[in-house]
Structure formats: C-alpha cells, structure tokens
Amino acid sequence: MPGRRPPLLGEASFASIRQRVVQATGVQLADDRRAVVAARLHKRLKALGLTDFERYLALLDSPRGAEEHEHLLRLLVARDSYFFREHRHFECLARWLADLDHPARLWSAACATGEEAWSLAMVAAENARHPDWQVLASDFDPQLLETAAAGIYDIAQARYFPEGWLARHCLCGVDEMAGRLRVTAALREQVRFEALNLIRPLPEQLGRFDVILLRNLLSNLAPRYKNEVLQRLLAHLRPGGLMIIGHSESVHALGLPLRPLLPSVFERL
C-alpha cells in the first residue's frame, strides 16, 4: 500500500508553533519556514501516533506537554556548532588574552553542543597570561548541555584545530571510542556548564566576565528581544571587556555602550 501522505501544517497551527518557540526562546521562525517546520515535526508526530498537527498542539497543552515542548524546541531551534567557527575571532582573542593582567572569565552564552566553549578553553590554555582562567558555557537546552559537558566529539571535528592542539588538549578514543575525541580533564576542570535562558532574568551571582561570545543567535531573535538580551549580557561584561557576535550580525543601530574593534568584535565602554 502506498504510504500515508504527511499531514499538512496549516497557517493557524504554524502560527501557534511559532508563538510557542518565540515565547520560550526568543527565536523567531521566519514566514517561509513552514515547510521546514512541518518536515522536522513529521517524524515526531509519527513517533507519537498522531495524525495531524492539531492533535500535536493539543498534546503540548496537556498535562504531559512540558516534556514534549522540550522536543519541539530541540527540533526547531537547531544550531550549527563546530570547533573554531569564525576562526578570526579566536585569533583576536588569543592576542587579547596574552595581554590581560588578571585571570580571565569567558562566557559562551549560547553554547549548543559545546564546541565553542571548548574552543575558548583551548585558546585560553594556550594564550592566557594567568593560569586560573574560567569558561562558563550556557544554553537553554539541558540535553544539549549534557552533550557539551561530556566533551566527546567525532574525530573529524579535529580538522579545524590549530596544528598540535589535538594532541595537547584531547584524547583520541580506542576500541568502542574509536573515531572520537574527548577534551582532556585539565580543560574540563576549568569549564562550567549552566542552563540559562537569555530572554529571562539572569542570576546576579554570575558576576562579571572579560569576554562574552553571543554568536549566530541575534540574527534569529525576534526584534523585541535583541536589545533586551544584549543589555542583559552587557550588565555582566566588565568595562574594557570584549563582546563578540557573529560575522553576519549587527548591533550598530541599538545604541549600546560598545566600541567596534574589528568586524563583529566590540569593546565594552
């Protein structure tokens, strides 16, 4: 028998899903993403034995909907992450850390599966003048944070590493771990992972940081959240510290206390 056709994602259901995503994460799904959203959720509906998106929305509103809501966000707020992405940021940071006269505090504010946080840690280990540096890695998704904290990745990710860094900062797996790498215990001791949603108030005990990376998130945030999120993070960035955003992103029209140093790299005034 021919397979059943996938259910249609109507305009009202798509609007409801978009609203749930933006209210939970600040991420605004574009108008032209309806087909992508339908495709990503189709397998989920099949796994749940649901025949249409209206029943799926009813499930989200039911007493057991909280767990399913996490699945929804994980499927629709996917972020590409790999080691040393936008490598010029890390080259700039290496020079900057070499001149910093106190132990550095660095924050990967939307760390996803952790490659950015571990890249920060390797750069700090190689270049920081003071050995007592620390990295905070945060994300709204606890499951992603578990993956990040484990520090285990496909060995193919090592193709982005500077020469010699794989041997210094990672262990290469054998037997059942063959084909994978794991960041060393020395790095893991200096990186902390915490579940934080940047569109919600942040705990005061976070303290101040010397560097905050908020890369490739701003372009996906609903306009009303962009300034709010940046102001919230800037409250935790020391004067003279660095705010680094994605190369395709801009903060120039927001009137923030930031001075451009390089494209997408700013100093906190």
Protein backbone atom coordinates (compact mmCIF):
# COMPACT_ATOMS: atom_id res chain seq x y z
CA MET A 1 0.00 0.00 0.00
CA PRO A 2 1.26 3.50 -0.67
CA GLY A 3 2.43 5.41 2.39
CA ARG A 4 0.11 7.87 4.03
CA ARG A 5 0.74 11.46 2.97
CA PRO A 6 2.31 13.67 5.63
CA PRO A 7 -0.17 15.89 7.49
CA LEU A 8 -0.50 19.48 6.36
CA LEU A 9 0.73 22.24 8.67
CA GLY A 10 -1.98 24.87 8.35
CA GLU A 11 -1.41 28.57 8.81
CA ALA A 12 -3.05 28.68 12.25
CA SER A 13 -1.04 25.71 13.54
CA PHE A 14 2.18 27.17 12.16
CA ALA A 15 1.41 30.49 13.88
CA SER A 16 0.80 28.67 17.17
CA ILE A 17 4.08 26.78 16.90
CA ARG A 18 5.97 29.99 16.04
CA GLN A 19 4.45 31.71 19.06
CA ARG A 20 5.47 28.88 21.39
CA VAL A 21 9.04 28.95 20.11
CA VAL A 22 9.46 32.72 20.40
CA GLN A 23 7.91 32.85 23.88
CA ALA A 24 10.23 30.09 25.11
CA THR A 25 13.49 31.10 23.44
CA GLY A 26 13.10 34.47 21.72
CA VAL A 27 13.85 32.78 18.37
CA GLN A 28 11.53 33.91 15.59
CA LEU A 29 10.87 31.36 12.87
CA ALA A 30 10.65 33.10 9.51
CA ASP A 31 7.43 33.13 7.49
CA ASP A 32 8.99 30.92 4.82
CA ARG A 33 9.97 28.16 7.29
CA ARG A 34 6.56 26.44 7.37
CA ALA A 35 7.67 23.55 5.14
CA VAL A 36 10.85 23.08 7.17
CA VAL A 37 8.90 23.07 10.44
CA ALA A 38 6.42 20.54 9.04
CA ALA A 39 9.23 18.26 7.85
CA ARG A 40 11.07 18.37 11.17
CA LEU A 41 7.94 17.65 13.20
CA HIS A 42 6.53 14.97 10.88
CA LYS A 43 8.70 12.18 12.33
CA ARG A 44 7.76 13.32 15.82
CA LEU A 45 4.07 13.05 15.02
CA LYS A 46 4.61 9.53 13.65
CA ALA A 47 6.51 8.51 16.79
CA LEU A 48 3.63 9.77 18.94
CA GLY A 49 0.97 8.13 16.77
CA LEU A 50 -0.64 11.46 15.90
CA THR A 51 -2.30 12.08 12.56
CA ASP A 52 -2.31 15.88 12.41
CA PHE A 53 -0.76 18.98 13.90
CA GLU A 54 -3.94 19.98 15.71
CA ARG A 55 -3.63 16.86 17.88
CA TYR A 56 0.05 17.66 18.40
CA LEU A 57 -0.81 21.15 19.66
CA ALA A 58 -3.41 19.63 21.98
CA LEU A 59 -0.70 17.37 23.38
CA LEU A 60 1.53 20.38 24.03
CA ASP A 61 -1.30 21.93 26.04
CA SER A 62 -1.97 18.75 28.03
CA PRO A 63 -0.52 17.83 31.45
CA ARG A 64 2.24 15.83 29.71
CA GLY A 65 3.03 18.66 27.34
CA ALA A 66 6.05 20.09 29.15
CA GLU A 67 8.36 17.25 28.13
CA GLU A 68 7.09 17.36 24.56
CA HIS A 69 7.66 21.11 24.49
CA GLU A 70 11.37 20.42 25.02
CA HIS A 71 11.34 18.10 21.99
CA LEU A 72 9.66 20.81 19.94
CA LEU A 73 12.28 23.42 20.81
CA ARG A 74 15.13 20.99 20.23
CA LEU A 75 13.86 20.19 16.75
CA LEU A 76 13.12 23.76 15.69
CA VAL A 77 15.89 25.76 17.37
CA ALA A 78 18.73 23.75 15.88
CA ARG A 79 22.12 25.49 15.79
CA ASP A 80 25.18 24.62 13.76
CA SER A 81 28.21 24.25 16.01
CA TYR A 82 31.78 23.22 15.34
CA PHE A 83 35.25 23.91 16.73
CA PHE A 84 36.91 27.27 15.96
CA ARG A 85 33.98 28.53 13.89
CA GLU A 86 34.78 32.01 12.55
CA HIS A 87 38.43 31.39 13.41
CA ARG A 88 39.47 35.06 13.25
CA HIS A 89 37.55 35.64 16.48
CA PHE A 90 39.80 33.14 18.23
CA GLU A 91 42.93 34.65 16.70
CA CYS A 92 41.86 38.06 18.03
CA LEU A 93 41.03 36.57 21.42
CA ALA A 94 44.40 34.85 21.67
CA ARG A 95 46.22 38.18 21.28
CA TRP A 96 43.88 39.89 23.71
CA LEU A 97 44.25 37.23 26.42
CA ALA A 98 48.03 37.36 26.21
CA ASP A 99 47.86 40.98 27.45
CA LEU A 100 45.17 40.54 30.11
CA ASP A 101 46.64 41.21 33.56
CA HIS A 102 44.20 39.12 35.63
CA PRO A 103 42.63 35.63 35.42
CA ALA A 104 40.18 35.65 32.53
CA ARG A 105 36.48 34.84 32.80
CA LEU A 106 34.98 33.85 29.46
CA TRP A 107 31.34 33.11 28.61
CA SER A 108 29.98 31.13 25.68
CA ALA A 109 26.42 32.40 26.08
CA ALA A 110 24.65 30.11 23.58
CA CYS A 111 26.97 27.13 23.54
CA ALA A 112 24.69 24.49 21.92
CA THR A 113 26.70 21.23 21.86
CA GLY A 114 29.79 22.88 23.33
CA GLU A 115 32.34 23.21 20.54
CA GLU A 116 32.55 26.99 21.00
CA ALA A 117 33.12 26.65 24.76
CA TRP A 118 35.89 24.09 24.30
CA SER A 119 37.47 26.26 21.60
CA LEU A 120 37.51 29.13 24.10
CA ALA A 121 39.10 26.86 26.69
CA MET A 122 41.86 25.75 24.32
CA VAL A 123 42.62 29.34 23.33
CA ALA A 124 42.79 30.33 27.00
CA ALA A 125 45.00 27.37 27.87
CA GLU A 126 47.39 28.31 25.07
CA ASN A 127 47.45 32.09 25.49
CA ALA A 128 46.17 33.40 28.83
CA ARG A 129 48.86 35.07 30.97
CA HIS A 130 47.22 33.77 34.15
CA PRO A 131 46.52 30.05 34.51
CA ASP A 132 43.37 30.47 36.65
CA TRP A 133 41.06 31.30 33.74
CA GLN A 134 37.48 30.05 33.68
CA VAL A 135 34.87 29.42 31.00
CA LEU A 136 31.11 29.47 31.55
CA ALA A 137 29.08 27.71 28.86
CA SER A 138 25.32 28.19 28.89
CA ASP A 139 22.32 27.17 26.83
CA PHE A 140 18.56 26.94 27.38
CA ASP A 141 18.51 23.22 26.50
CA PRO A 142 19.66 20.86 29.30
CA GLN A 143 20.09 17.96 26.84
CA LEU A 144 22.49 19.98 24.70
CA LEU A 145 24.40 20.92 27.84
CA GLU A 146 24.82 17.24 28.73
CA THR A 147 26.37 16.64 25.32
CA ALA A 148 28.57 19.70 25.71
CA ALA A 149 29.76 18.81 29.21
CA ALA A 150 30.75 15.29 28.13
CA GLY A 151 33.25 16.84 25.70
CA ILE A 152 33.11 13.88 23.29
CA TYR A 153 33.04 14.52 19.53
CA ASP A 154 33.66 12.86 16.20
CA ILE A 155 37.37 12.91 15.38
CA ALA A 156 36.51 14.64 12.08
CA GLN A 157 35.98 17.82 14.13
CA ALA A 158 39.74 17.92 14.71
CA ARG A 159 40.26 19.17 11.14
CA TYR A 160 39.51 22.67 12.44
CA PHE A 161 42.13 22.54 15.21
CA PRO A 162 45.37 24.54 15.02
CA GLU A 163 48.37 22.31 14.48
CA GLY A 164 49.35 20.33 17.59
CA TRP A 165 46.26 21.25 19.62
CA LEU A 166 44.55 17.90 19.23
CA ALA A 167 47.43 16.12 20.97
CA ARG A 168 47.69 18.75 23.70
CA HIS A 169 44.03 19.18 24.56
CA CYS A 170 42.22 15.97 23.59
CA LEU A 171 42.39 12.23 23.95
CA CYS A 172 41.71 10.09 20.88
CA GLY A 173 39.45 7.12 21.51
CA VAL A 174 40.23 3.45 21.08
CA ASP A 175 38.04 0.33 20.94
CA GLU A 176 34.40 1.43 21.43
CA MET A 177 35.56 5.08 21.44
CA ALA A 178 37.46 4.74 18.16
CA GLY A 179 36.80 7.61 15.80
CA ARG A 180 36.01 10.03 18.61
CA LEU A 181 37.93 12.54 20.68
CA ARG A 182 37.41 13.78 24.23
CA VAL A 183 38.72 17.03 25.68
CA THR A 184 41.21 16.47 28.49
CA ALA A 185 40.36 16.51 32.18
CA ALA A 186 42.57 19.59 32.59
CA LEU A 187 40.24 21.55 30.30
CA ARG A 188 37.07 20.07 31.80
CA GLU A 189 38.10 21.29 35.25
CA GLN A 190 38.02 24.91 34.09
CA VAL A 191 34.77 24.90 32.11
CA ARG A 192 31.38 25.09 33.83
CA PHE A 193 28.03 24.40 32.17
CA GLU A 194 24.79 26.02 33.27
CA ALA A 195 21.24 26.10 31.90
CA LEU A 196 20.38 29.75 31.22
CA ASN A 197 17.66 31.23 29.03
CA LEU A 198 18.92 34.58 27.77
CA ILE A 199 15.44 36.05 27.34
CA ARG A 200 14.82 35.58 31.09
CA PRO A 201 16.48 37.45 34.01
CA LEU A 202 19.95 36.14 34.76
CA PRO A 203 21.18 35.29 38.26
CA GLU A 204 23.23 38.09 39.83
CA GLN A 205 25.78 35.59 41.11
CA LEU A 206 27.04 35.11 37.56
CA GLY A 207 29.34 38.04 38.23
CA ARG A 208 31.37 39.88 35.59
CA PHE A 209 33.16 38.49 32.55
CA ASP A 210 36.08 39.64 30.44
CA VAL A 211 34.73 38.13 27.22
CA ILE A 212 31.21 37.16 26.13
CA LEU A 213 30.55 35.29 22.90
CA LEU A 214 26.99 35.63 21.61
CA ARG A 215 27.41 34.41 18.07
CA ASN A 216 24.81 33.49 15.46
CA LEU A 217 21.86 33.89 17.82
CA LEU A 218 20.98 37.56 17.39
CA SER A 219 20.04 37.08 13.76
CA ASN A 220 17.37 34.57 14.82
CA LEU A 221 15.89 36.54 17.72
CA ALA A 222 12.61 38.40 17.41
CA PRO A 223 13.35 42.16 17.19
CA ARG A 224 11.87 42.89 20.62
CA TYR A 225 14.38 40.54 22.27
CA LYS A 226 17.64 41.62 20.62
CA ASN A 227 18.31 44.77 22.64
CA GLU A 228 16.95 43.18 25.79
CA VAL A 229 19.29 40.19 25.55
CA LEU A 230 22.31 42.35 24.76
CA GLN A 231 21.59 44.73 27.65
CA ARG A 232 21.22 41.75 29.97
CA LEU A 233 24.59 40.34 28.92
CA LEU A 234 26.37 43.70 28.95
CA ALA A 235 25.44 44.04 32.62
CA HIS A 236 27.79 41.09 33.17
CA LEU A 237 30.63 42.33 30.95
CA ARG A 238 33.43 44.30 32.55
CA PRO A 239 34.32 47.73 31.09
CA GLY A 240 37.07 47.08 28.59
CA GLY A 241 35.83 43.51 28.04
CA LEU A 242 35.00 42.01 24.66
CA MET A 243 31.59 41.25 23.20
CA ILE A 244 31.85 39.01 20.13
CA ILE A 245 28.89 38.38 17.82
CA GLY A 246 28.53 36.53 14.52
CA HIS A 247 30.05 37.94 11.36
CA SER A 248 26.63 38.26 9.74
CA GLU A 249 25.11 40.10 12.72
CA SER A 250 25.00 43.78 13.65
CA VAL A 251 24.44 45.86 16.79
CA HIS A 252 25.24 49.28 15.31
CA ALA A 253 21.69 50.64 15.42
CA LEU A 254 20.98 49.63 19.02
CA GLY A 255 22.81 52.43 20.83
CA LEU A 256 24.77 50.13 23.11
CA PRO A 257 27.92 51.07 25.09
CA LEU A 258 30.16 49.21 22.66
CA ARG A 259 33.12 50.37 20.60
CA PRO A 260 33.98 48.35 17.47
CA LEU A 261 37.49 46.91 17.44
CA LEU A 262 37.16 44.53 14.49
CA PRO A 263 34.19 43.34 12.45
CA SER A 264 31.83 41.67 14.99
CA VAL A 265 34.25 42.30 17.92
CA PHE A 266 33.39 45.11 20.34
CA GLU A 267 34.86 46.63 23.49
CA ARG A 268 32.55 47.40 26.43
CA LEU A 269 32.74 51.11 27.29
